N, C-alpha and C. Protein backbone atom coordinates (compact mmCIF):
# COMPACT_ATOMS: atom_id res chain seq x y z
N MET A 1 36.86 29.90 0.68
CA MET A 1 37.59 30.55 1.44
C MET A 1 37.27 32.69 0.80
N ARG A 2 36.59 32.63 2.22
CA ARG A 2 36.57 34.45 1.77
C ARG A 2 38.01 35.32 1.64
N ILE A 3 38.15 36.15 0.47
CA ILE A 3 39.19 37.26 0.72
C ILE A 3 38.87 38.07 1.54
N ARG A 4 39.35 38.92 1.87
CA ARG A 4 39.50 40.58 2.62
C ARG A 4 39.73 41.36 2.12
N PRO A 5 39.27 42.48 1.76
CA PRO A 5 39.86 43.42 0.77
C PRO A 5 41.04 43.97 1.32
N MET A 6 42.12 44.59 1.13
CA MET A 6 43.60 45.02 1.69
C MET A 6 43.33 46.36 1.80
N ILE A 7 43.66 46.46 3.05
CA ILE A 7 42.76 48.23 3.63
C ILE A 7 44.23 48.99 4.07
N TRP A 8 44.83 49.98 3.52
CA TRP A 8 45.84 50.93 2.88
C TRP A 8 45.39 51.20 4.54
N LYS A 9 46.84 50.93 5.44
CA LYS A 9 46.98 51.57 6.75
C LYS A 9 48.23 52.03 6.62
N PRO A 10 48.38 53.31 7.26
CA PRO A 10 49.31 54.39 7.18
C PRO A 10 50.14 54.45 8.02
N ASN A 11 51.05 54.77 7.91
CA ASN A 11 52.90 54.48 9.05
C ASN A 11 52.49 55.65 9.60
N ILE A 12 51.79 55.19 10.99
CA ILE A 12 52.00 56.37 12.29
C ILE A 12 52.68 56.16 13.18
N HIS A 13 54.15 55.62 12.95
CA HIS A 13 55.24 55.11 13.86
C HIS A 13 55.61 56.78 13.69
N PRO A 14 55.94 57.23 12.50
CA PRO A 14 56.70 59.20 13.35
C PRO A 14 55.75 59.67 13.39
N LEU A 15 54.33 59.69 13.21
CA LEU A 15 53.85 60.85 13.95
C LEU A 15 53.12 59.93 15.57
N VAL A 16 53.63 58.92 15.54
CA VAL A 16 52.91 59.15 17.11
C VAL A 16 54.63 59.32 18.51
N THR A 17 55.91 59.12 17.17
CA THR A 17 56.86 59.22 18.03
C THR A 17 56.56 61.18 18.44
N ALA A 18 56.45 61.52 17.25
CA ALA A 18 56.52 63.05 17.52
C ALA A 18 55.56 63.93 18.18
N LEU A 19 53.91 63.11 18.26
CA LEU A 19 53.46 63.36 19.43
C LEU A 19 54.28 63.46 20.86
N ARG A 20 54.47 62.24 21.06
CA ARG A 20 54.86 61.64 22.27
C ARG A 20 56.70 62.88 22.59
N LYS A 21 57.38 62.83 21.57
CA LYS A 21 58.57 64.63 22.55
C LYS A 21 57.58 65.89 22.92
N ILE A 22 56.64 65.77 22.01
CA ILE A 22 55.91 66.78 22.01
C ILE A 22 54.87 67.02 23.29
N TRP A 23 54.13 65.69 23.95
CA TRP A 23 53.84 66.07 25.00
C TRP A 23 55.33 65.58 26.57
N GLU A 24 55.80 64.88 26.06
CA GLU A 24 56.51 64.80 27.13
C GLU A 24 57.42 66.24 27.28
N TYR A 25 57.69 67.43 26.01
CA TYR A 25 58.26 68.76 26.27
C TYR A 25 57.15 69.39 27.65
N LEU A 26 55.56 69.25 27.19
CA LEU A 26 54.99 69.68 27.82
C LEU A 26 54.58 69.63 28.73
N ARG A 27 54.65 68.35 29.69
CA ARG A 27 55.26 67.53 30.66
C ARG A 27 56.25 68.74 31.48
N GLU A 28 57.38 68.74 31.04
CA GLU A 28 58.41 69.43 31.45
C GLU A 28 58.34 70.73 31.62
N ALA A 29 57.46 71.29 30.87
CA ALA A 29 57.60 72.82 30.92
C ALA A 29 56.35 73.33 31.94
N CYS A 30 55.66 72.19 32.07
CA CYS A 30 54.25 72.59 33.04
C CYS A 30 56.09 72.13 34.84
N GLY A 31 56.39 71.59 35.08
CA GLY A 31 56.96 71.34 36.17
C GLY A 31 56.08 69.97 36.78
N GLU A 32 55.43 68.84 35.97
CA GLU A 32 55.29 67.78 36.01
C GLU A 32 56.61 66.97 36.87
N TYR A 33 57.72 66.90 35.99
CA TYR A 33 58.85 66.13 36.91
C TYR A 33 59.77 66.37 38.27
N ASP A 34 58.83 67.36 38.34
CA ASP A 34 60.04 68.08 39.15
C ASP A 34 60.01 67.46 40.48
N TYR A 35 58.92 66.99 41.15
CA TYR A 35 58.50 65.94 42.16
C TYR A 35 59.67 64.58 42.03
N GLU A 36 59.85 64.53 40.91
CA GLU A 36 60.74 62.43 40.47
C GLU A 36 61.73 63.13 40.68
N ARG A 37 61.96 64.62 40.52
CA ARG A 37 63.68 64.74 40.43
C ARG A 37 63.71 65.01 41.51
N TYR A 38 63.72 66.18 42.35
CA TYR A 38 63.57 66.13 43.72
C TYR A 38 63.56 64.97 45.16
N VAL A 39 62.46 63.31 44.25
CA VAL A 39 63.19 62.02 44.94
C VAL A 39 64.10 61.33 44.98
N GLU A 40 64.57 62.16 43.87
CA GLU A 40 65.89 61.21 43.35
C GLU A 40 67.00 61.41 43.53
N ARG A 41 67.13 62.97 43.61
CA ARG A 41 67.70 63.61 44.25
C ARG A 41 67.95 63.42 46.01
N ALA A 42 67.07 64.00 46.78
CA ALA A 42 66.16 63.23 47.97
C ALA A 42 67.30 61.99 48.54
N ARG A 43 67.22 60.82 47.78
CA ARG A 43 67.37 59.28 48.51
C ARG A 43 68.60 59.79 47.87
N ALA A 44 69.67 60.56 46.78
CA ALA A 44 71.01 60.21 46.67
C ALA A 44 71.91 60.62 48.09
N LEU A 45 70.62 61.63 48.45
CA LEU A 45 71.89 62.02 49.38
C LEU A 45 71.36 61.39 50.61
N GLY A 46 71.00 60.31 50.72
CA GLY A 46 70.15 59.54 52.37
C GLY A 46 69.56 60.33 53.12
N ALA A 47 68.63 61.42 52.92
CA ALA A 47 67.49 62.06 53.04
C ALA A 47 65.97 61.32 52.92
N GLU A 48 65.32 61.78 54.09
CA GLU A 48 63.73 61.23 53.56
C GLU A 48 63.17 62.17 53.07
N PRO A 49 62.44 61.92 52.13
CA PRO A 49 61.97 62.76 50.63
C PRO A 49 60.24 63.24 51.40
N MET A 50 60.21 63.93 51.00
CA MET A 50 58.82 65.27 51.38
C MET A 50 57.62 64.17 50.25
N THR A 51 56.45 63.83 50.78
CA THR A 51 55.04 63.73 50.67
C THR A 51 55.08 64.72 49.26
N PRO A 52 54.25 64.20 48.59
CA PRO A 52 54.01 64.79 47.29
C PRO A 52 53.63 66.49 47.58
N GLN A 53 51.89 66.36 48.22
CA GLN A 53 52.01 67.57 48.71
C GLN A 53 52.44 68.62 49.55
N GLU A 54 53.37 67.89 50.63
CA GLU A 54 54.36 69.18 50.92
C GLU A 54 55.38 69.58 49.59
N PHE A 55 55.91 69.10 49.06
CA PHE A 55 56.52 69.05 47.96
C PHE A 55 56.13 70.36 47.19
N TYR A 56 54.64 70.38 46.91
CA TYR A 56 53.95 71.34 46.26
C TYR A 56 53.80 72.21 47.07
N VAL A 57 53.34 72.22 48.80
CA VAL A 57 53.52 73.29 48.79
C VAL A 57 54.46 73.81 49.07
N SER A 58 55.67 73.41 49.53
CA SER A 58 56.95 74.07 49.58
C SER A 58 57.24 75.02 48.22
N GLN A 59 56.94 74.74 46.76
CA GLN A 59 57.71 74.82 45.85
C GLN A 59 56.47 75.95 45.50
N LEU A 60 54.61 76.16 46.56
CA LEU A 60 54.40 77.50 46.17
C LEU A 60 55.19 78.63 47.31
N GLU A 61 55.25 78.28 47.94
CA GLU A 61 55.94 78.92 49.59
C GLU A 61 57.11 79.74 48.62
N HIS A 62 58.01 78.79 48.07
CA HIS A 62 59.30 79.46 47.58
C HIS A 62 58.88 80.77 46.14
N LYS A 63 57.51 80.12 45.39
CA LYS A 63 57.76 81.17 44.45
C LYS A 63 56.70 82.00 44.92
N HIS A 64 55.83 81.95 45.67
CA HIS A 64 55.02 83.42 45.84
C HIS A 64 55.97 84.00 47.54
N SER A 65 57.02 84.12 47.74
CA SER A 65 57.54 83.99 48.73
C SER A 65 58.60 85.44 48.91
N ARG A 66 58.90 85.37 47.68
CA ARG A 66 59.71 86.85 46.69
C ARG A 66 59.15 87.66 46.50
N PRO A 67 59.55 89.15 47.00
CA PRO A 67 58.87 90.33 46.76
C PRO A 67 59.07 89.82 44.83
N THR A 68 57.82 90.15 43.97
CA THR A 68 58.43 90.50 42.63
C THR A 68 57.71 92.33 41.76
N ARG A 69 58.55 93.21 41.59
CA ARG A 69 57.63 94.58 41.35
C ARG A 69 58.04 94.72 39.83
N CYS A 70 57.24 94.75 39.32
CA CYS A 70 57.20 95.25 37.76
C CYS A 70 57.53 97.10 37.62
N CYS A 71 57.07 97.69 38.79
CA CYS A 71 57.31 98.96 37.98
C CYS A 71 58.32 99.55 39.67
């Protein structure tokens, strides 16, 4: 019978949890969930949602259609 040496393994669960929360925050900050929320709202209202490509173009047009002046 062979005895295996005990290897110390740190508890990484809190670290993994923290990294997942940071990753979720970054995804939210970048707007990655915008389309998913839009689809849920459109379906709740009974409307046919746009495709992801149409939604992306719509968001770009909305963002860049308003004049912004800094001076």
